């Protein structure tokens, strides 16, 4: 699905755009007037973590569940825990910050790497999207690696974070929702329903 056809949360619509019209997430750095989508800006990410703001739209996240997008390794681990009737908690930190449910559903559909299993990751090994690499559940994505497998939009009761000299690390607690996908277009109905709720157009 072309990104301009994906319903956009209000908060995402208020973000700056690149030359193609793509909204730029709150944690994305800029260089030479161009957004660097494959990278995560440490200071922007820290501001979002400290202010409990969405890493996509940059607006306040109220107390309660937060969401993130995960790739196949963590998606499979969550699915396995649920199938076994076991609680899920991944103690490995990730650089991927939390966001609103609508924003993460939107991001999963618009970001090619998150949306499709055959899309390949651009960027460096220091900058993960979806916490999805060959070497761990939430380690950095490898440049050129295809996502493969099932991704998911996942809700958690809360998050923890640590701000270091060069990055911000997150851990997510208390699984509350698991929405796996092969192609993120599968989330279209959920995104529309979320945006139809009062005060959910963020």
C-alpha atoms as a PDB file:
ATOM      1  CA  UNK A   1       0.000   0.000   0.000  1.00  0.00           C
ATOM      2  CA  UNK A   2       1.379   3.431  -0.914  1.00  0.00           C
ATOM      3  CA  UNK A   3       2.103   5.547   2.157  1.00  0.00           C
ATOM      4  CA  UNK A   4      -0.210   8.362   1.059  1.00  0.00           C
ATOM      5  CA  UNK A   5      -3.140   5.905   1.234  1.00  0.00           C
ATOM      6  CA  UNK A   6      -2.469   4.937   4.862  1.00  0.00           C
ATOM      7  CA  UNK A   7      -4.680   6.891   7.314  1.00  0.00           C
ATOM      8  CA  UNK A   8      -2.433   9.259   9.248  1.00  0.00           C
ATOM      9  CA  UNK A   9      -2.743  10.141  12.943  1.00  0.00           C
ATOM     10  CA  UNK A  10      -3.019  13.896  13.501  1.00  0.00           C
ATOM     11  CA  UNK A  11       0.254  14.015  15.427  1.00  0.00           C
ATOM     12  CA  UNK A  12       2.090  12.301  12.586  1.00  0.00           C
ATOM     13  CA  UNK A  13       0.483  14.678  10.103  1.00  0.00           C
ATOM     14  CA  UNK A  14       1.931  17.614  12.024  1.00  0.00           C
ATOM     15  CA  UNK A  15       5.500  16.296  11.686  1.00  0.00           C
ATOM     16  CA  UNK A  16       7.991  17.800   9.197  1.00  0.00           C
ATOM     17  CA  UNK A  17       8.158  15.994   5.832  1.00  0.00           C
ATOM     18  CA  UNK A  18      10.989  14.915   3.593  1.00  0.00           C
ATOM     19  CA  UNK A  19      11.095  15.743  -0.110  1.00  0.00           C
ATOM     20  CA  UNK A  20       8.820  12.800  -0.957  1.00  0.00           C
ATOM     21  CA  UNK A  21       6.217  13.831   1.595  1.00  0.00           C
ATOM     22  CA  UNK A  22       7.063  11.213   4.216  1.00  0.00           C
ATOM     23  CA  UNK A  23       6.514  12.450   7.801  1.00  0.00           C
ATOM     24  CA  UNK A  24       9.726  12.414   9.829  1.00  0.00           C
ATOM     25  CA  UNK A  25       9.560  10.642  13.228  1.00  0.00           C
ATOM     26  CA  UNK A  26      10.375  12.586  16.374  1.00  0.00           C
ATOM     27  CA  UNK A  27      13.568  10.594  17.042  1.00  0.00           C
ATOM     28  CA  UNK A  28      14.997  10.892  13.511  1.00  0.00           C
ATOM     29  CA  UNK A  29      18.132  13.050  13.102  1.00  0.00           C
ATOM     30  CA  UNK A  30      18.637  15.543  10.287  1.00  0.00           C
ATOM     31  CA  UNK A  31      21.832  16.135   8.331  1.00  0.00           C
ATOM     32  CA  UNK A  32      22.255  18.771   5.660  1.00  0.00           C
ATOM     33  CA  UNK A  33      18.547  19.482   5.753  1.00  0.00           C
ATOM     34  CA  UNK A  34      17.660  15.830   5.097  1.00  0.00           C
ATOM     35  CA  UNK A  35      16.175  13.354   7.593  1.00  0.00           C
ATOM     36  CA  UNK A  36      18.277  10.253   8.266  1.00  0.00           C
ATOM     37  CA  UNK A  37      15.496   7.678   8.590  1.00  0.00           C
ATOM     38  CA  UNK A  38      17.820   4.748   9.311  1.00  0.00           C
ATOM     39  CA  UNK A  39      19.321   6.484  12.361  1.00  0.00           C
ATOM     40  CA  UNK A  40      18.134   7.351  15.854  1.00  0.00           C
ATOM     41  CA  UNK A  41      19.126  10.685  17.393  1.00  0.00           C
ATOM     42  CA  UNK A  42      20.265  10.216  20.999  1.00  0.00           C
ATOM     43  CA  UNK A  43      19.120  13.627  22.253  1.00  0.00           C
ATOM     44  CA  UNK A  44      15.740  13.457  20.523  1.00  0.00           C
ATOM     45  CA  UNK A  45      15.191   9.957  21.866  1.00  0.00           C
ATOM     46  CA  UNK A  46      16.192  11.068  25.374  1.00  0.00           C
ATOM     47  CA  UNK A  47      13.764  13.992  25.227  1.00  0.00           C
ATOM     48  CA  UNK A  48      10.955  11.613  24.265  1.00  0.00           C
ATOM     49  CA  UNK A  49      11.845   9.139  27.007  1.00  0.00           C
ATOM     50  CA  UNK A  50      12.130  11.804  29.714  1.00  0.00           C
ATOM     51  CA  UNK A  51       8.935  13.566  28.665  1.00  0.00           C
ATOM     52  CA  UNK A  52       6.986  10.356  28.005  1.00  0.00           C
ATOM     53  CA  UNK A  53       6.457  11.410  24.418  1.00  0.00           C
ATOM     54  CA  UNK A  54       5.807   9.189  21.416  1.00  0.00           C
ATOM     55  CA  UNK A  55       8.921   8.387  19.398  1.00  0.00           C
ATOM     56  CA  UNK A  56       6.909   8.746  16.177  1.00  0.00           C
ATOM     57  CA  UNK A  57       4.763  11.872  16.602  1.00  0.00           C
ATOM     58  CA  UNK A  58       6.555  13.454  19.579  1.00  0.00           C
ATOM     59  CA  UNK A  59       3.328  14.105  21.489  1.00  0.00           C
ATOM     60  CA  UNK A  60       2.600  13.127  25.087  1.00  0.00           C
ATOM     61  CA  UNK A  61       1.739   9.514  25.867  1.00  0.00           C
ATOM     62  CA  UNK A  62      -0.671   9.364  28.777  1.00  0.00           C
ATOM     63  CA  UNK A  63      -0.149   6.891  31.591  1.00  0.00           C
ATOM     64  CA  UNK A  64      -1.064   3.397  30.533  1.00  0.00           C
ATOM     65  CA  UNK A  65       0.025   1.031  27.765  1.00  0.00           C
ATOM     66  CA  UNK A  66       2.603   1.942  25.131  1.00  0.00           C
ATOM     67  CA  UNK A  67       3.340   0.242  21.823  1.00  0.00           C
ATOM     68  CA  UNK A  68       6.317  -0.643  19.654  1.00  0.00           C
ATOM     69  CA  UNK A  69       6.960  -2.513  16.426  1.00  0.00           C
ATOM     70  CA  UNK A  70       9.035  -5.701  16.590  1.00  0.00           C
ATOM     71  CA  UNK A  71      10.556  -7.928  13.952  1.00  0.00           C
ATOM     72  CA  UNK A  72      10.468 -11.703  13.501  1.00  0.00           C
ATOM     73  CA  UNK A  73      12.829 -12.789  16.293  1.00  0.00           C
ATOM     74  CA  UNK A  74      10.913 -11.045  19.046  1.00  0.00           C
ATOM     75  CA  UNK A  75       7.573 -11.705  17.383  1.00  0.00           C
ATOM     76  CA  UNK A  76       8.337 -15.436  17.383  1.00  0.00           C
ATOM     77  CA  UNK A  77       9.435 -15.311  21.023  1.00  0.00           C
ATOM     78  CA  UNK A  78       6.198 -13.585  22.041  1.00  0.00           C
ATOM     79  CA  UNK A  79       4.081 -16.019  20.031  1.00  0.00           C
ATOM     80  CA  UNK A  80       5.905 -18.947  21.628  1.00  0.00           C
ATOM     81  CA  UNK A  81       5.343 -17.635  25.138  1.00  0.00           C
ATOM     82  CA  UNK A  82       1.655 -17.021  24.481  1.00  0.00           C
ATOM     83  CA  UNK A  83       1.195 -20.485  22.945  1.00  0.00           C
ATOM     84  CA  UNK A  84       2.799 -22.033  26.026  1.00  0.00           C
ATOM     85  CA  UNK A  85       0.661 -19.973  28.380  1.00  0.00           C
ATOM     86  CA  UNK A  86       3.766 -18.307  29.786  1.00  0.00           C
ATOM     87  CA  UNK A  87       4.358 -14.639  30.622  1.00  0.00           C
ATOM     88  CA  UNK A  88       6.642 -12.810  28.223  1.00  0.00           C
ATOM     89  CA  UNK A  89       9.420 -10.464  29.241  1.00  0.00           C
ATOM     90  CA  UNK A  90      12.514  -9.660  27.239  1.00  0.00           C
ATOM     91  CA  UNK A  91      15.204  -8.127  29.443  1.00  0.00           C
ATOM     92  CA  UNK A  92      17.474  -7.246  26.512  1.00  0.00           C
ATOM     93  CA  UNK A  93      17.465  -3.475  25.898  1.00  0.00           C
ATOM     94  CA  UNK A  94      16.548  -1.908  22.580  1.00  0.00           C
ATOM     95  CA  UNK A  95      17.114   1.556  21.132  1.00  0.00           C
ATOM     96  CA  UNK A  96      13.551   1.610  19.797  1.00  0.00           C
ATOM     97  CA  UNK A  97      11.346   3.863  21.905  1.00  0.00           C
ATOM     98  CA  UNK A  98       7.615   3.503  22.572  1.00  0.00           C
ATOM     99  CA  UNK A  99       4.696   5.267  20.973  1.00  0.00           C
ATOM    100  CA  UNK A 100       0.945   5.596  20.709  1.00  0.00           C
ATOM    101  CA  UNK A 101      -0.955   2.601  19.352  1.00  0.00           C
ATOM    102  CA  UNK A 102      -2.131   4.546  16.301  1.00  0.00           C
ATOM    103  CA  UNK A 103       1.360   5.878  15.597  1.00  0.00           C
ATOM    104  CA  UNK A 104       2.948   2.424  15.780  1.00  0.00           C
ATOM    105  CA  UNK A 105       0.263   0.863  13.600  1.00  0.00           C
ATOM    106  CA  UNK A 106       0.890   3.663  11.109  1.00  0.00           C
ATOM    107  CA  UNK A 107       4.697   3.264  11.306  1.00  0.00           C
ATOM    108  CA  UNK A 108       4.439  -0.489  10.754  1.00  0.00           C
ATOM    109  CA  UNK A 109       2.560   0.137   7.506  1.00  0.00           C
ATOM    110  CA  UNK A 110       4.587   3.053   6.141  1.00  0.00           C
ATOM    111  CA  UNK A 111       8.180   2.001   6.892  1.00  0.00           C
ATOM    112  CA  UNK A 112       9.131  -0.471   4.126  1.00  0.00           C
ATOM    113  CA  UNK A 113      11.468  -2.469   6.388  1.00  0.00           C
ATOM    114  CA  UNK A 114       8.750  -2.939   8.995  1.00  0.00           C
ATOM    115  CA  UNK A 115       5.915  -3.470   6.537  1.00  0.00           C
ATOM    116  CA  UNK A 116       7.191  -6.221   4.245  1.00  0.00           C
ATOM    117  CA  UNK A 117       9.227  -9.387   4.943  1.00  0.00           C
ATOM    118  CA  UNK A 118      11.375  -9.008   1.811  1.00  0.00           C
ATOM    119  CA  UNK A 119      12.287  -5.333   2.341  1.00  0.00           C
ATOM    120  CA  UNK A 120      15.912  -4.695   3.211  1.00  0.00           C
ATOM    121  CA  UNK A 121      17.272  -2.511   5.973  1.00  0.00           C
ATOM    122  CA  UNK A 122      19.303   0.586   5.203  1.00  0.00           C
ATOM    123  CA  UNK A 123      21.561   2.158   7.800  1.00  0.00           C
ATOM    124  CA  UNK A 124      24.226   0.914  10.175  1.00  0.00           C
ATOM    125  CA  UNK A 125      24.363  -1.835  12.765  1.00  0.00           C
ATOM    126  CA  UNK A 126      24.162   0.798  15.478  1.00  0.00           C
ATOM    127  CA  UNK A 127      20.621   1.775  14.554  1.00  0.00           C
ATOM    128  CA  UNK A 128      17.858  -0.791  14.886  1.00  0.00           C
ATOM    129  CA  UNK A 129      14.328  -0.598  13.600  1.00  0.00           C
ATOM    130  CA  UNK A 130      12.010  -3.083  15.200  1.00  0.00           C
ATOM    131  CA  UNK A 131      14.885  -4.525  17.234  1.00  0.00           C
ATOM    132  CA  UNK A 132      15.326  -7.213  14.689  1.00  0.00           C
ATOM    133  CA  UNK A 133      18.649  -8.716  13.665  1.00  0.00           C
ATOM    134  CA  UNK A 134      20.274 -12.067  13.204  1.00  0.00           C
ATOM    135  CA  UNK A 135      22.152 -11.827  16.497  1.00  0.00           C
ATOM    136  CA  UNK A 136      19.414 -11.279  19.075  1.00  0.00           C
ATOM    137  CA  UNK A 137      15.876 -10.289  19.903  1.00  0.00           C
ATOM    138  CA  UNK A 138      16.497  -6.583  20.191  1.00  0.00           C
ATOM    139  CA  UNK A 139      19.968  -6.103  18.744  1.00  0.00           C
ATOM    140  CA  UNK A 140      20.727  -3.722  15.914  1.00  0.00           C
ATOM    141  CA  UNK A 141      19.420  -4.457  12.454  1.00  0.00           C
ATOM    142  CA  UNK A 142      22.133  -5.321   9.956  1.00  0.00           C
ATOM    143  CA  UNK A 143      22.463  -3.141   6.865  1.00  0.00           C
ATOM    144  CA  UNK A 144      21.070  -4.962   3.844  1.00  0.00           C
ATOM    145  CA  UNK A 145      19.306  -7.637   5.908  1.00  0.00           C
ATOM    146  CA  UNK A 146      15.751  -8.520   4.963  1.00  0.00           C
ATOM    147  CA  UNK A 147      13.195  -8.464   7.756  1.00  0.00           C
ATOM    148  CA  UNK A 148      11.881 -11.949   6.966  1.00  0.00           C
ATOM    149  CA  UNK A 149       9.313 -13.741   9.109  1.00  0.00           C
ATOM    150  CA  UNK A 150       6.410 -12.112  10.911  1.00  0.00           C
ATOM    151  CA  UNK A 151       6.610  -8.626  12.362  1.00  0.00           C
ATOM    152  CA  UNK A 152       4.206  -7.374  15.008  1.00  0.00           C
ATOM    153  CA  UNK A 153       2.804  -4.307  16.694  1.00  0.00           C
ATOM    154  CA  UNK A 154       3.010  -5.020  20.417  1.00  0.00           C
ATOM    155  CA  UNK A 155       1.494  -3.260  23.415  1.00  0.00           C
ATOM    156  CA  UNK A 156       3.135  -3.200  26.847  1.00  0.00           C
ATOM    157  CA  UNK A 157       1.890  -1.965  30.205  1.00  0.00           C
ATOM    158  CA  UNK A 158       4.904   0.298  30.646  1.00  0.00           C
ATOM    159  CA  UNK A 159       8.552   0.826  29.794  1.00  0.00           C
ATOM    160  CA  UNK A 160      11.876   1.525  31.479  1.00  0.00           C
ATOM    161  CA  UNK A 161      14.724   3.523  29.982  1.00  0.00           C
ATOM    162  CA  UNK A 162      18.338   4.470  30.575  1.00  0.00           C
ATOM    163  CA  UNK A 163      20.092   7.464  29.011  1.00  0.00           C
ATOM    164  CA  UNK A 164      23.797   6.827  28.373  1.00  0.00           C
ATOM    165  CA  UNK A 165      26.464   9.039  26.824  1.00  0.00           C
ATOM    166  CA  UNK A 166      25.667   7.941  23.281  1.00  0.00           C
ATOM    167  CA  UNK A 167      22.265   6.244  23.239  1.00  0.00           C
ATOM    168  CA  UNK A 168      18.957   5.688  24.986  1.00  0.00           C
ATOM    169  CA  UNK A 169      18.010   2.129  25.871  1.00  0.00           C
ATOM    170  CA  UNK A 170      14.513   0.847  26.566  1.00  0.00           C
ATOM    171  CA  UNK A 171      12.967  -2.231  28.139  1.00  0.00           C
ATOM    172  CA  UNK A 172       9.285  -3.051  27.877  1.00  0.00           C
ATOM    173  CA  UNK A 173       7.180  -4.599  30.631  1.00  0.00           C
ATOM    174  CA  UNK A 174       3.896  -6.515  30.867  1.00  0.00           C
ATOM    175  CA  UNK A 175       2.671  -7.596  27.444  1.00  0.00           C
ATOM    176  CA  UNK A 176      -0.901  -6.398  26.840  1.00  0.00           C
ATOM    177  CA  UNK A 177      -1.411  -6.788  23.065  1.00  0.00           C
ATOM    178  CA  UNK A 178       0.193  -8.780  20.253  1.00  0.00           C
ATOM    179  CA  UNK A 179      -0.732  -8.024  16.633  1.00  0.00           C
ATOM    180  CA  UNK A 180       1.504 -10.086  14.309  1.00  0.00           C
ATOM    181  CA  UNK A 181       1.698  -9.488  10.573  1.00  0.00           C
ATOM    182  CA  UNK A 182       3.375 -10.798   7.478  1.00  0.00           C
ATOM    183  CA  UNK A 183       2.487  -7.633   5.601  1.00  0.00           C
ATOM    184  CA  UNK A 184       1.599  -4.662   7.777  1.00  0.00           C
ATOM    185  CA  UNK A 185      -1.313  -3.831   5.477  1.00  0.00           C
ATOM    186  CA  UNK A 186      -3.113  -6.367   7.664  1.00  0.00           C
ATOM    187  CA  UNK A 187      -3.311  -3.613  10.321  1.00  0.00           C
ATOM    188  CA  UNK A 188      -5.353  -1.244   8.153  1.00  0.00           C
ATOM    189  CA  UNK A 189      -8.680  -2.029   9.840  1.00  0.00           C
ATOM    190  CA  UNK A 190      -7.113  -1.744  13.310  1.00  0.00           C
ATOM    191  CA  UNK A 191      -5.562   1.621  12.433  1.00  0.00           C
ATOM    192  CA  UNK A 192      -8.844   2.976  11.084  1.00  0.00           C
ATOM    193  CA  UNK A 193     -10.686   1.784  14.196  1.00  0.00           C
ATOM    194  CA  UNK A 194      -8.067   3.358  16.471  1.00  0.00           C
ATOM    195  CA  UNK A 195      -8.261   6.692  14.678  1.00  0.00           C
ATOM    196  CA  UNK A 196     -12.061   6.615  14.918  1.00  0.00           C
ATOM    197  CA  UNK A 197     -11.909   6.582  18.735  1.00  0.00           C
ATOM    198  CA  UNK A 198     -12.355   9.950  20.495  1.00  0.00           C
ATOM    199  CA  UNK A 199      -9.031  11.775  21.002  1.00  0.00           C
ATOM    200  CA  UNK A 200      -7.098   9.081  19.108  1.00  0.00           C
ATOM    201  CA  UNK A 201      -6.188  11.099  16.036  1.00  0.00           C
ATOM    202  CA  UNK A 202      -3.007  12.296  17.756  1.00  0.00           C
END
